[in-house]
Amino acid sequence: MGTSRPVIVKRMPDRINLQQAREFSREVQPLLRSDRPQLVFDFSTVHRMDAAGVDMLLECMAEVMKHDGDLKLAALSPQAAVVLELTRADRLFEIYETVSDAVRSFSGFLPNAMRKYAEWGVAATASESGDDTSSKIAA
């Protein structure tokens, strides 16, 4: 039996314009480039997002895919949902109603017997730095 990889939850900034997209991209690069990353971007606090935000998301997805990982979006605010729909970027991501649903989806591929062990081993830690919160959850 292999070791489980953590699911990392990253809260998005409340505004995702060109400047914020660049800052966020720099901040998450180490996560995107890790071996087989499993990431969830939490959009619950996003009030505004423009085309630069969509471009940044697509770049993050491309980087994660290079490292045989997966990126999922969760808790989309109404404004972010509209922007992703208008740009059709919503078709490229798995989008979940809640962060918990997105995190659980990573263990969805496990056989039923293995899924119970994964559920028993779920651990969460959170660290805050400014307005941003990251969580690691064993899948």
N, C-alpha and C. Protein backbone atom coordinates (compact mmCIF):
# COMPACT_ATOMS: atom_id res chain seq x y z
N MET A 1 0.84 -1.18 0.00
CA MET A 1 0.00 0.00 0.00
C MET A 1 0.89 1.24 0.00
N GLY A 2 0.62 2.19 -0.92
CA GLY A 2 1.43 3.39 -1.03
C GLY A 2 1.05 4.41 0.03
N THR A 3 1.88 5.42 0.15
CA THR A 3 1.59 6.47 1.10
C THR A 3 0.62 7.47 0.47
N SER A 4 -0.21 8.07 1.29
CA SER A 4 -1.16 9.04 0.76
C SER A 4 -0.48 10.40 0.60
N ARG A 5 -0.95 11.15 -0.38
CA ARG A 5 -0.41 12.48 -0.62
C ARG A 5 -1.36 13.51 -0.03
N PRO A 6 -0.83 14.61 0.46
CA PRO A 6 -1.72 15.62 1.05
C PRO A 6 -2.50 16.37 -0.02
N VAL A 7 -3.69 16.77 0.35
CA VAL A 7 -4.49 17.68 -0.46
C VAL A 7 -4.27 19.05 0.15
N ILE A 8 -3.82 19.99 -0.65
CA ILE A 8 -3.53 21.33 -0.16
C ILE A 8 -4.63 22.28 -0.61
N VAL A 9 -5.22 22.96 0.37
CA VAL A 9 -6.28 23.93 0.10
C VAL A 9 -5.68 25.32 0.21
N LYS A 10 -5.87 26.10 -0.83
CA LYS A 10 -5.30 27.45 -0.88
C LYS A 10 -6.44 28.45 -1.10
N ARG A 11 -6.58 29.38 -0.16
CA ARG A 11 -7.61 30.42 -0.30
C ARG A 11 -7.15 31.46 -1.30
N MET A 12 -8.04 31.79 -2.21
CA MET A 12 -7.76 32.80 -3.23
C MET A 12 -7.91 34.19 -2.63
N PRO A 13 -7.18 35.18 -3.18
CA PRO A 13 -7.35 36.56 -2.71
C PRO A 13 -8.76 37.08 -3.04
N ASP A 14 -9.21 38.10 -2.32
CA ASP A 14 -10.57 38.60 -2.56
C ASP A 14 -10.73 39.28 -3.92
N ARG A 15 -9.64 39.78 -4.45
CA ARG A 15 -9.64 40.35 -5.80
C ARG A 15 -8.55 39.66 -6.60
N ILE A 16 -8.90 39.21 -7.80
CA ILE A 16 -7.91 38.55 -8.64
C ILE A 16 -7.79 39.36 -9.93
N ASN A 17 -6.97 40.42 -9.84
CA ASN A 17 -6.64 41.22 -11.01
C ASN A 17 -5.20 40.89 -11.40
N LEU A 18 -4.62 41.63 -12.31
CA LEU A 18 -3.28 41.31 -12.79
C LEU A 18 -2.26 41.26 -11.66
N GLN A 19 -2.25 42.28 -10.81
CA GLN A 19 -1.27 42.33 -9.71
C GLN A 19 -1.47 41.17 -8.74
N GLN A 20 -2.71 40.95 -8.29
CA GLN A 20 -2.99 39.87 -7.34
C GLN A 20 -2.71 38.50 -7.96
N ALA A 21 -3.01 38.36 -9.26
CA ALA A 21 -2.76 37.08 -9.94
C ALA A 21 -1.27 36.78 -9.97
N ARG A 22 -0.47 37.79 -10.24
CA ARG A 22 1.00 37.59 -10.25
C ARG A 22 1.52 37.21 -8.87
N GLU A 23 1.05 37.91 -7.84
CA GLU A 23 1.48 37.61 -6.48
C GLU A 23 1.06 36.20 -6.07
N PHE A 24 -0.18 35.85 -6.35
CA PHE A 24 -0.68 34.53 -5.98
C PHE A 24 0.09 33.44 -6.74
N SER A 25 0.34 33.68 -8.00
CA SER A 25 1.08 32.70 -8.82
C SER A 25 2.48 32.45 -8.25
N ARG A 26 3.17 33.53 -7.89
CA ARG A 26 4.51 33.37 -7.28
C ARG A 26 4.43 32.58 -5.98
N GLU A 27 3.41 32.85 -5.20
CA GLU A 27 3.25 32.21 -3.91
C GLU A 27 2.99 30.70 -4.03
N VAL A 28 2.22 30.30 -5.04
CA VAL A 28 1.85 28.88 -5.16
C VAL A 28 2.78 28.06 -6.04
N GLN A 29 3.77 28.69 -6.67
CA GLN A 29 4.68 27.94 -7.55
C GLN A 29 5.29 26.70 -6.89
N PRO A 30 5.79 26.79 -5.66
CA PRO A 30 6.35 25.57 -5.05
C PRO A 30 5.31 24.45 -4.92
N LEU A 31 4.06 24.81 -4.65
CA LEU A 31 3.00 23.80 -4.54
C LEU A 31 2.71 23.17 -5.90
N LEU A 32 2.67 24.01 -6.93
CA LEU A 32 2.36 23.53 -8.28
C LEU A 32 3.44 22.60 -8.82
N ARG A 33 4.66 22.84 -8.40
CA ARG A 33 5.80 22.09 -8.93
C ARG A 33 6.18 20.88 -8.09
N SER A 34 5.43 20.62 -7.04
CA SER A 34 5.73 19.44 -6.22
C SER A 34 5.35 18.18 -7.00
N ASP A 35 5.78 17.04 -6.50
CA ASP A 35 5.50 15.77 -7.17
C ASP A 35 4.03 15.39 -7.00
N ARG A 36 3.32 15.28 -8.12
CA ARG A 36 1.90 14.90 -8.15
C ARG A 36 1.05 15.71 -7.17
N PRO A 37 1.04 17.03 -7.34
CA PRO A 37 0.29 17.88 -6.41
C PRO A 37 -1.21 17.65 -6.47
N GLN A 38 -1.86 17.75 -5.33
CA GLN A 38 -3.31 17.69 -5.23
C GLN A 38 -3.75 18.99 -4.57
N LEU A 39 -4.31 19.89 -5.37
CA LEU A 39 -4.63 21.23 -4.88
C LEU A 39 -6.11 21.55 -5.03
N VAL A 40 -6.61 22.32 -4.07
CA VAL A 40 -7.95 22.88 -4.14
C VAL A 40 -7.80 24.38 -3.93
N PHE A 41 -8.32 25.17 -4.87
CA PHE A 41 -8.34 26.62 -4.72
C PHE A 41 -9.71 27.01 -4.19
N ASP A 42 -9.72 27.65 -3.01
CA ASP A 42 -10.95 28.07 -2.33
C ASP A 42 -11.32 29.49 -2.77
N PHE A 43 -12.45 29.61 -3.47
CA PHE A 43 -12.90 30.89 -4.01
C PHE A 43 -13.94 31.58 -3.15
N SER A 44 -14.15 31.11 -1.93
CA SER A 44 -15.24 31.63 -1.11
C SER A 44 -15.15 33.12 -0.81
N THR A 45 -13.95 33.70 -0.83
CA THR A 45 -13.82 35.12 -0.50
C THR A 45 -13.59 36.00 -1.73
N VAL A 46 -13.63 35.43 -2.92
CA VAL A 46 -13.35 36.20 -4.14
C VAL A 46 -14.55 37.10 -4.47
N HIS A 47 -14.29 38.41 -4.56
CA HIS A 47 -15.33 39.37 -4.90
C HIS A 47 -15.21 39.85 -6.34
N ARG A 48 -13.98 39.85 -6.84
CA ARG A 48 -13.75 40.31 -8.20
C ARG A 48 -12.67 39.46 -8.86
N MET A 49 -12.90 39.15 -10.12
CA MET A 49 -11.90 38.42 -10.89
C MET A 49 -12.00 38.89 -12.34
N ASP A 50 -10.85 39.11 -12.94
CA ASP A 50 -10.85 39.52 -14.35
C ASP A 50 -10.10 38.49 -15.19
N ALA A 51 -9.84 38.84 -16.44
CA ALA A 51 -9.19 37.92 -17.38
C ALA A 51 -7.80 37.48 -16.90
N ALA A 52 -7.10 38.35 -16.19
CA ALA A 52 -5.78 37.99 -15.66
C ALA A 52 -5.91 36.84 -14.66
N GLY A 53 -7.00 36.84 -13.90
CA GLY A 53 -7.25 35.76 -12.96
C GLY A 53 -7.50 34.44 -13.67
N VAL A 54 -8.25 34.50 -14.76
CA VAL A 54 -8.51 33.29 -15.55
C VAL A 54 -7.21 32.77 -16.15
N ASP A 55 -6.41 33.67 -16.70
CA ASP A 55 -5.11 33.27 -17.26
C ASP A 55 -4.24 32.61 -16.21
N MET A 56 -4.21 33.18 -15.01
CA MET A 56 -3.41 32.62 -13.92
C MET A 56 -3.89 31.22 -13.57
N LEU A 57 -5.21 31.02 -13.52
CA LEU A 57 -5.75 29.69 -13.22
C LEU A 57 -5.34 28.67 -14.28
N LEU A 58 -5.39 29.08 -15.53
CA LEU A 58 -5.00 28.18 -16.62
C LEU A 58 -3.52 27.84 -16.56
N GLU A 59 -2.70 28.82 -16.20
CA GLU A 59 -1.26 28.57 -16.05
C GLU A 59 -1.01 27.62 -14.88
N CYS A 60 -1.74 27.81 -13.78
CA CYS A 60 -1.60 26.91 -12.64
C CYS A 60 -1.99 25.48 -13.03
N MET A 61 -3.09 25.34 -13.75
CA MET A 61 -3.53 24.02 -14.19
C MET A 61 -2.47 23.36 -15.08
N ALA A 62 -1.92 24.12 -16.02
CA ALA A 62 -0.88 23.57 -16.91
C ALA A 62 0.33 23.10 -16.11
N GLU A 63 0.75 23.89 -15.12
CA GLU A 63 1.91 23.52 -14.31
C GLU A 63 1.62 22.27 -13.48
N VAL A 64 0.45 22.18 -12.90
CA VAL A 64 0.06 21.01 -12.10
C VAL A 64 0.04 19.76 -12.99
N MET A 65 -0.47 19.90 -14.18
CA MET A 65 -0.55 18.75 -15.09
C MET A 65 0.84 18.27 -15.52
N LYS A 66 1.79 19.19 -15.64
CA LYS A 66 3.17 18.79 -15.97
C LYS A 66 3.75 17.88 -14.90
N HIS A 67 3.26 18.04 -13.68
CA HIS A 67 3.78 17.26 -12.55
C HIS A 67 2.82 16.15 -12.14
N ASP A 68 1.94 15.76 -13.09
CA ASP A 68 1.02 14.64 -12.90
C ASP A 68 0.13 14.84 -11.68
N GLY A 69 -0.35 16.09 -11.50
CA GLY A 69 -1.21 16.40 -10.37
C GLY A 69 -2.59 16.82 -10.81
N ASP A 70 -3.33 17.38 -9.88
CA ASP A 70 -4.69 17.81 -10.17
C ASP A 70 -5.01 19.08 -9.38
N LEU A 71 -5.77 19.97 -9.99
CA LEU A 71 -6.20 21.22 -9.39
C LEU A 71 -7.72 21.30 -9.51
N LYS A 72 -8.38 21.52 -8.39
CA LYS A 72 -9.83 21.63 -8.38
C LYS A 72 -10.23 22.96 -7.74
N LEU A 73 -11.37 23.48 -8.15
CA LEU A 73 -11.87 24.75 -7.63
C LEU A 73 -13.06 24.49 -6.72
N ALA A 74 -13.22 25.31 -5.68
CA ALA A 74 -14.32 25.10 -4.74
C ALA A 74 -14.89 26.41 -4.25
N ALA A 75 -16.15 26.34 -3.85
CA ALA A 75 -16.86 27.45 -3.21
C ALA A 75 -16.80 28.72 -4.06
N LEU A 76 -17.10 28.58 -5.35
CA LEU A 76 -17.04 29.75 -6.24
C LEU A 76 -18.04 30.82 -5.82
N SER A 77 -17.55 32.04 -5.73
CA SER A 77 -18.45 33.16 -5.49
C SER A 77 -19.26 33.37 -6.77
N PRO A 78 -20.42 34.01 -6.68
CA PRO A 78 -21.21 34.24 -7.90
C PRO A 78 -20.43 34.98 -8.99
N GLN A 79 -19.64 35.98 -8.60
CA GLN A 79 -18.89 36.76 -9.59
C GLN A 79 -17.85 35.90 -10.28
N ALA A 80 -17.12 35.09 -9.52
CA ALA A 80 -16.10 34.22 -10.11
C ALA A 80 -16.75 33.18 -11.01
N ALA A 81 -17.89 32.66 -10.61
CA ALA A 81 -18.59 31.67 -11.42
C ALA A 81 -18.98 32.25 -12.78
N VAL A 82 -19.45 33.50 -12.78
CA VAL A 82 -19.85 34.15 -14.03
C VAL A 82 -18.64 34.34 -14.94
N VAL A 83 -17.53 34.82 -14.40
CA VAL A 83 -16.33 35.04 -15.21
C VAL A 83 -15.84 33.72 -15.80
N LEU A 84 -15.81 32.67 -15.00
CA LEU A 84 -15.34 31.37 -15.51
C LEU A 84 -16.30 30.83 -16.58
N GLU A 85 -17.59 31.07 -16.39
CA GLU A 85 -18.57 30.61 -17.38
C GLU A 85 -18.45 31.39 -18.69
N LEU A 86 -18.33 32.71 -18.58
CA LEU A 86 -18.23 33.54 -19.79
C LEU A 86 -16.97 33.23 -20.61
N THR A 87 -15.90 32.89 -19.93
CA THR A 87 -14.65 32.56 -20.62
C THR A 87 -14.57 31.08 -20.97
N ARG A 88 -15.57 30.33 -20.54
CA ARG A 88 -15.65 28.87 -20.74
C ARG A 88 -14.53 28.11 -20.03
N ALA A 89 -13.85 28.76 -19.15
CA ALA A 89 -12.80 28.10 -18.37
C ALA A 89 -13.42 27.12 -17.38
N ASP A 90 -14.70 27.32 -17.05
CA ASP A 90 -15.37 26.40 -16.12
C ASP A 90 -15.39 24.98 -16.65
N ARG A 91 -15.28 24.81 -17.96
CA ARG A 91 -15.28 23.48 -18.58
C ARG A 91 -13.96 22.75 -18.37
N LEU A 92 -12.93 23.46 -17.97
CA LEU A 92 -11.60 22.87 -17.84
C LEU A 92 -11.27 22.43 -16.42
N PHE A 93 -12.09 22.82 -15.48
CA PHE A 93 -11.82 22.52 -14.07
C PHE A 93 -12.94 21.70 -13.47
N GLU A 94 -12.58 20.88 -12.49
CA GLU A 94 -13.59 20.26 -11.65
C GLU A 94 -13.94 21.31 -10.60
N ILE A 95 -15.23 21.63 -10.50
CA ILE A 95 -15.68 22.68 -9.58
C ILE A 95 -16.65 22.06 -8.59
N TYR A 96 -16.43 22.35 -7.30
CA TYR A 96 -17.24 21.78 -6.22
C TYR A 96 -17.91 22.88 -5.43
N GLU A 97 -19.07 22.56 -4.86
CA GLU A 97 -19.82 23.51 -4.05
C GLU A 97 -19.05 23.93 -2.80
N THR A 98 -18.37 22.97 -2.17
CA THR A 98 -17.65 23.26 -0.93
C THR A 98 -16.22 22.75 -1.02
N VAL A 99 -15.37 23.30 -0.18
CA VAL A 99 -13.98 22.86 -0.10
C VAL A 99 -13.93 21.40 0.35
N SER A 100 -14.78 21.04 1.31
CA SER A 100 -14.81 19.66 1.81
C SER A 100 -15.13 18.67 0.69
N ASP A 101 -16.10 19.03 -0.16
CA ASP A 101 -16.44 18.15 -1.28
C ASP A 101 -15.25 17.99 -2.23
N ALA A 102 -14.55 19.08 -2.48
CA ALA A 102 -13.39 19.02 -3.37
C ALA A 102 -12.29 18.14 -2.79
N VAL A 103 -12.03 18.30 -1.51
CA VAL A 103 -10.99 17.50 -0.85
C VAL A 103 -11.38 16.02 -0.89
N ARG A 104 -12.62 15.72 -0.56
CA ARG A 104 -13.08 14.32 -0.58
C ARG A 104 -12.98 13.71 -1.97
N SER A 105 -13.12 14.51 -2.99
CA SER A 105 -13.09 13.98 -4.36
C SER A 105 -11.75 13.35 -4.71
N PHE A 106 -10.69 13.75 -4.04
CA PHE A 106 -9.38 13.18 -4.33
C PHE A 106 -9.29 11.72 -3.90
N SER A 107 -10.07 11.32 -2.92
CA SER A 107 -10.03 9.92 -2.50
C SER A 107 -11.10 9.09 -3.21
N GLY A 108 -11.85 9.72 -4.10
CA GLY A 108 -12.93 9.04 -4.80
C GLY A 108 -12.48 7.90 -5.68
N PHE A 109 -11.24 7.87 -6.12
CA PHE A 109 -10.76 6.81 -6.99
C PHE A 109 -10.37 5.56 -6.23
N LEU A 110 -10.30 5.64 -4.90
CA LEU A 110 -9.86 4.50 -4.11
C LEU A 110 -10.94 3.41 -4.09
N PRO A 111 -10.54 2.14 -4.10
CA PRO A 111 -11.53 1.07 -3.92
C PRO A 111 -12.24 1.26 -2.58
N ASN A 112 -13.44 0.72 -2.45
CA ASN A 112 -14.23 0.93 -1.24
C ASN A 112 -13.48 0.57 0.04
N ALA A 113 -12.76 -0.53 0.04
CA ALA A 113 -12.03 -0.94 1.24
C ALA A 113 -10.96 0.09 1.59
N MET A 114 -10.28 0.62 0.58
CA MET A 114 -9.22 1.60 0.81
C MET A 114 -9.81 2.93 1.26
N ARG A 115 -11.01 3.26 0.79
CA ARG A 115 -11.63 4.53 1.12
C ARG A 115 -11.86 4.65 2.63
N LYS A 116 -12.23 3.57 3.28
CA LYS A 116 -12.44 3.62 4.73
C LYS A 116 -11.16 3.99 5.45
N TYR A 117 -10.04 3.40 5.02
CA TYR A 117 -8.77 3.72 5.65
C TYR A 117 -8.42 5.19 5.43
N ALA A 118 -8.70 5.70 4.23
CA ALA A 118 -8.42 7.10 3.93
C ALA A 118 -9.26 8.01 4.82
N GLU A 119 -10.55 7.64 5.02
CA GLU A 119 -11.42 8.46 5.86
C GLU A 119 -10.93 8.46 7.31
N TRP A 120 -10.44 7.33 7.78
CA TRP A 120 -9.95 7.27 9.15
C TRP A 120 -8.69 8.10 9.32
N GLY A 121 -7.90 8.22 8.25
CA GLY A 121 -6.61 8.90 8.36
C GLY A 121 -6.65 10.36 8.00
N VAL A 122 -7.84 10.94 7.83
CA VAL A 122 -7.93 12.34 7.44
C VAL A 122 -7.44 13.22 8.58
N ALA A 123 -6.49 14.05 8.27
CA ALA A 123 -5.95 15.00 9.25
C ALA A 123 -5.89 16.36 8.60
N ALA A 124 -6.14 17.39 9.36
CA ALA A 124 -6.12 18.74 8.78
C ALA A 124 -5.29 19.66 9.65
N THR A 125 -4.52 20.50 9.00
CA THR A 125 -3.79 21.56 9.69
C THR A 125 -3.98 22.82 8.89
N ALA A 126 -3.97 23.93 9.54
CA ALA A 126 -4.12 25.21 8.83
C ALA A 126 -3.11 26.19 9.38
N SER A 127 -2.58 27.00 8.48
CA SER A 127 -1.69 28.08 8.90
C SER A 127 -2.14 29.34 8.21
N GLU A 128 -2.12 30.41 8.91
CA GLU A 128 -2.55 31.67 8.31
C GLU A 128 -1.38 32.62 8.16
N SER A 129 -1.36 33.27 7.01
CA SER A 129 -0.36 34.32 6.78
C SER A 129 -1.09 35.46 6.09
N GLY A 130 -1.38 36.48 6.81
CA GLY A 130 -2.12 37.61 6.26
C GLY A 130 -3.55 37.19 6.00
N ASP A 131 -4.06 37.49 4.80
CA ASP A 131 -5.42 37.15 4.43
C ASP A 131 -5.52 35.76 3.83
N ASP A 132 -4.42 35.03 3.77
CA ASP A 132 -4.39 33.78 3.04
C ASP A 132 -4.30 32.59 3.99
N THR A 133 -5.04 31.55 3.70
CA THR A 133 -5.00 30.36 4.53
C THR A 133 -4.73 29.16 3.65
N SER A 134 -3.83 28.28 4.10
CA SER A 134 -3.55 27.04 3.42
C SER A 134 -3.84 25.91 4.37
N SER A 135 -4.31 24.82 3.84
CA SER A 135 -4.56 23.64 4.65
C SER A 135 -4.00 22.43 3.93
N LYS A 136 -3.51 21.47 4.69
CA LYS A 136 -3.08 20.20 4.14
C LYS A 136 -3.97 19.15 4.75
N ILE A 137 -4.51 18.33 3.90
CA ILE A 137 -5.40 17.27 4.37
C ILE A 137 -4.96 15.98 3.72
N ALA A 138 -4.68 14.97 4.50
CA ALA A 138 -4.26 13.69 3.94
C ALA A 138 -5.44 13.06 3.23
N ALA A 139 -5.21 12.65 1.98
CA ALA A 139 -6.30 12.04 1.22
C ALA A 139 -6.20 10.54 1.29
